N, C-alpha and C. Protein backbone atom coordinates (compact mmCIF):
# COMPACT_ATOMS: atom_id res chain seq x y z
N UNK A 1 23.40 66.50 -31.54
CA UNK A 1 22.91 65.33 -30.88
C UNK A 1 21.68 65.71 -30.08
N UNK A 2 20.73 64.84 -30.04
CA UNK A 2 19.55 65.07 -29.21
C UNK A 2 19.37 63.90 -28.26
N UNK A 3 18.75 64.16 -27.15
CA UNK A 3 18.45 63.12 -26.16
C UNK A 3 17.14 63.47 -25.49
N UNK A 4 16.42 62.47 -25.10
CA UNK A 4 15.15 62.71 -24.43
C UNK A 4 15.28 62.57 -22.91
N UNK A 5 16.49 62.46 -22.42
CA UNK A 5 16.75 62.37 -20.98
C UNK A 5 17.75 63.44 -20.58
N UNK A 6 17.52 64.09 -19.45
CA UNK A 6 18.53 65.05 -18.97
C UNK A 6 19.80 64.31 -18.55
N UNK A 7 20.91 65.02 -18.50
CA UNK A 7 22.18 64.39 -18.16
C UNK A 7 22.11 63.65 -16.82
N UNK A 8 21.36 64.16 -15.88
CA UNK A 8 21.23 63.52 -14.57
C UNK A 8 20.59 62.14 -14.63
N UNK A 9 19.91 61.82 -15.72
CA UNK A 9 19.26 60.53 -15.88
C UNK A 9 20.12 59.54 -16.67
N UNK A 10 21.27 59.97 -17.14
CA UNK A 10 22.08 59.11 -18.01
C UNK A 10 22.68 57.91 -17.28
N UNK A 11 22.63 57.92 -15.95
CA UNK A 11 23.12 56.76 -15.22
C UNK A 11 22.24 55.54 -15.49
N UNK A 12 21.06 55.73 -16.04
CA UNK A 12 20.21 54.61 -16.44
C UNK A 12 20.70 54.00 -17.75
N UNK A 13 21.39 54.78 -18.56
CA UNK A 13 21.89 54.33 -19.85
C UNK A 13 23.24 53.65 -19.70
N UNK A 14 24.13 54.30 -18.97
CA UNK A 14 25.48 53.79 -18.76
C UNK A 14 25.57 53.16 -17.37
N UNK A 15 25.93 51.89 -17.28
CA UNK A 15 25.95 51.23 -15.97
C UNK A 15 27.08 51.70 -15.06
N UNK A 16 28.14 52.25 -15.61
CA UNK A 16 29.30 52.67 -14.82
C UNK A 16 29.26 54.19 -14.65
N UNK A 17 29.24 54.69 -13.40
CA UNK A 17 29.20 56.14 -13.18
C UNK A 17 30.36 56.88 -13.84
N UNK A 18 31.54 56.29 -13.88
CA UNK A 18 32.69 56.94 -14.52
C UNK A 18 32.45 57.06 -16.02
N UNK A 19 31.83 56.06 -16.61
CA UNK A 19 31.53 56.10 -18.04
C UNK A 19 30.48 57.19 -18.33
N UNK A 20 29.52 57.31 -17.44
CA UNK A 20 28.49 58.35 -17.60
C UNK A 20 29.13 59.73 -17.56
N UNK A 21 29.97 59.96 -16.58
CA UNK A 21 30.65 61.25 -16.45
C UNK A 21 31.51 61.55 -17.67
N UNK A 22 32.24 60.55 -18.15
CA UNK A 22 33.10 60.75 -19.32
C UNK A 22 32.27 61.07 -20.57
N UNK A 23 31.16 60.37 -20.75
CA UNK A 23 30.31 60.61 -21.92
C UNK A 23 29.75 62.03 -21.90
N UNK A 24 29.23 62.45 -20.77
CA UNK A 24 28.67 63.80 -20.66
C UNK A 24 29.76 64.84 -20.84
N UNK A 25 30.91 64.63 -20.21
CA UNK A 25 32.01 65.60 -20.32
C UNK A 25 32.47 65.75 -21.77
N UNK A 26 32.56 64.68 -22.51
CA UNK A 26 32.98 64.75 -23.91
C UNK A 26 31.94 65.45 -24.78
N UNK A 27 30.68 65.21 -24.47
CA UNK A 27 29.62 65.82 -25.27
C UNK A 27 29.50 67.32 -25.06
N UNK A 28 29.67 67.77 -23.83
CA UNK A 28 29.45 69.18 -23.55
C UNK A 28 30.70 70.05 -23.65
N UNK A 29 31.86 69.41 -23.81
CA UNK A 29 33.09 70.18 -23.95
C UNK A 29 33.01 71.05 -25.21
N UNK A 30 33.07 72.34 -25.03
CA UNK A 30 32.99 73.32 -26.12
C UNK A 30 31.68 73.25 -26.91
N UNK A 31 30.65 72.77 -26.29
CA UNK A 31 29.36 72.65 -26.96
C UNK A 31 28.40 73.72 -26.44
N UNK A 32 27.40 73.98 -27.21
CA UNK A 32 26.28 74.81 -26.76
C UNK A 32 25.14 73.86 -26.45
N UNK A 33 24.65 73.90 -25.23
CA UNK A 33 23.59 73.00 -24.81
C UNK A 33 22.27 73.76 -24.79
N UNK A 34 21.29 73.22 -25.48
CA UNK A 34 19.95 73.80 -25.51
C UNK A 34 18.99 72.81 -24.86
N UNK A 35 18.22 73.30 -23.92
CA UNK A 35 17.18 72.46 -23.31
C UNK A 35 15.84 72.97 -23.80
N UNK A 36 15.15 72.12 -24.52
CA UNK A 36 13.86 72.48 -25.08
C UNK A 36 12.77 71.73 -24.33
N UNK A 37 11.93 72.46 -23.68
CA UNK A 37 10.81 71.86 -22.95
C UNK A 37 9.56 71.98 -23.80
N UNK A 38 9.53 71.17 -24.86
CA UNK A 38 8.40 71.19 -25.78
C UNK A 38 7.86 69.78 -25.94
N UNK A 39 6.67 69.70 -26.48
CA UNK A 39 6.04 68.41 -26.70
C UNK A 39 6.81 67.62 -27.77
N UNK A 40 6.95 66.34 -27.54
CA UNK A 40 7.60 65.46 -28.49
C UNK A 40 6.62 65.14 -29.60
N UNK A 41 6.94 65.52 -30.84
CA UNK A 41 6.00 65.33 -31.93
C UNK A 41 5.81 63.86 -32.29
N UNK A 42 6.82 63.02 -32.09
CA UNK A 42 6.66 61.59 -32.38
C UNK A 42 5.70 60.95 -31.38
N UNK A 43 5.80 61.34 -30.12
CA UNK A 43 4.88 60.82 -29.12
C UNK A 43 3.46 61.25 -29.42
N UNK A 44 3.30 62.51 -29.78
CA UNK A 44 1.98 63.04 -30.10
C UNK A 44 1.37 62.28 -31.29
N UNK A 45 2.17 62.04 -32.33
CA UNK A 45 1.69 61.32 -33.52
C UNK A 45 1.31 59.90 -33.16
N UNK A 46 2.07 59.24 -32.29
CA UNK A 46 1.75 57.87 -31.89
C UNK A 46 0.44 57.82 -31.14
N UNK A 47 0.21 58.79 -30.28
CA UNK A 47 -1.05 58.83 -29.51
C UNK A 47 -2.22 59.08 -30.43
N UNK A 48 -2.04 59.97 -31.38
CA UNK A 48 -3.13 60.29 -32.32
C UNK A 48 -3.46 59.11 -33.22
N UNK A 49 -2.47 58.29 -33.55
CA UNK A 49 -2.70 57.17 -34.47
C UNK A 49 -3.26 55.94 -33.74
N UNK A 50 -3.10 55.94 -32.48
CA UNK A 50 -3.51 54.71 -31.94
C UNK A 50 -3.98 54.37 -30.67
């Protein structure tokens, strides 16, 4: 799964704080989390096209 928002920003997606916590907890349970601080290629392509 990929996301363009850090977990701390997910309260903007889920209106209920308990739902946010549950979603993050389920996703990261036994998962390997990689944070990539790289340029978004879709954003770059959109800027170049228009």
